[in-house]
Protein backbone atom coordinates (compact mmCIF):
# COMPACT_ATOMS: atom_id res chain seq x y z
CA MET A 1 -80.94 83.75 80.58
CA THR A 2 -78.96 87.07 80.77
CA LYS A 3 -76.65 87.85 83.74
CA LEU A 4 -79.34 90.55 84.71
CA GLU A 5 -81.91 87.87 84.84
CA GLN A 6 -79.88 85.69 86.78
CA VAL A 7 -79.19 88.34 89.28
CA GLU A 8 -83.00 89.41 89.46
CA LYS A 9 -83.81 85.61 90.12
CA SER A 10 -81.12 85.14 92.78
CA VAL A 11 -82.09 88.45 94.53
CA ALA A 12 -85.81 87.19 94.36
CA GLU A 13 -84.88 84.01 96.37
CA LEU A 14 -83.04 85.60 99.09
CA ASP A 15 -84.49 85.36 102.36
CA LYS A 16 -85.22 88.31 104.80
CA GLN A 17 -81.82 88.28 106.32
CA GLU A 18 -79.73 87.76 103.18
CA PHE A 19 -82.02 90.41 101.31
CA GLU A 20 -81.22 92.89 104.04
CA ALA A 21 -77.30 92.11 103.92
CA PHE A 22 -77.57 92.30 100.07
CA SER A 23 -79.38 95.68 100.16
CA THR A 24 -76.81 97.08 102.55
CA TRP A 25 -74.06 95.86 100.28
CA PHE A 26 -75.68 97.21 97.11
CA GLU A 27 -76.35 100.83 98.60
CA ALA A 28 -72.76 100.85 99.54
CA LEU A 29 -71.76 100.02 96.11
CA GLN A 30 -74.02 102.51 94.48
CA ALA A 31 -72.71 105.34 96.90
CA GLU A 32 -68.98 104.34 95.85
CA ARG A 33 -69.65 104.41 92.18
CA TRP A 34 -71.51 107.79 92.59
CA ASP A 35 -68.52 109.05 94.69
CA ARG A 36 -65.90 107.93 91.92
CA GLN A 37 -68.11 109.47 89.16
CA MET A 38 -68.40 112.99 90.89
CA GLU A 39 -64.54 112.81 91.60
CA THR A 40 -64.17 112.21 87.88
CA ASP A 41 -66.49 114.80 86.70
CA ALA A 42 -64.76 117.41 88.94
CA ALA A 43 -61.52 116.45 88.00
CA SER A 44 -62.35 116.89 84.18
CA GLY A 45 -64.10 120.41 84.84
CA LYS A 46 -67.72 119.11 83.93
CA LEU A 47 -68.85 120.96 87.25
CA ASP A 48 -67.10 124.03 86.99
CA HIS A 49 -69.95 125.91 85.36
CA LEU A 50 -71.99 124.89 88.28
CA ALA A 51 -69.45 126.24 90.80
CA GLU A 52 -69.06 129.36 88.87
CA LYS A 53 -73.07 129.90 88.84
CA ALA A 54 -73.12 129.10 92.62
CA LEU A 55 -70.50 131.55 93.20
CA ALA A 56 -72.05 134.38 90.89
CA ASP A 57 -75.50 134.01 92.78
CA PHE A 58 -73.81 134.27 95.95
CA ARG A 59 -71.96 137.29 94.94
CA ALA A 60 -75.34 138.86 93.70
CA GLY A 61 -76.91 138.24 96.91
CA LYS A 62 -79.23 135.59 95.61
CA THR A 63 -78.41 133.01 98.29
CA LYS A 64 -79.73 132.82 101.79
CA ARG A 65 -78.06 131.36 105.07
CA LEU A 66 -79.13 127.89 106.11
């Protein structure tokens, strides 16, 4: 049995309270990993083209107030 299969089996066996606690923990873990990836991408310049496009659209009047 793979690690993933073991995790799936364990999660499926959780009672309601344990599953809710697991879900809360897992969502926080996903958010943390996403934040770290965004920070890495921003620091490496991978997002620069998106910022440049947004600024160009703003300067060209292609945006609207929220």
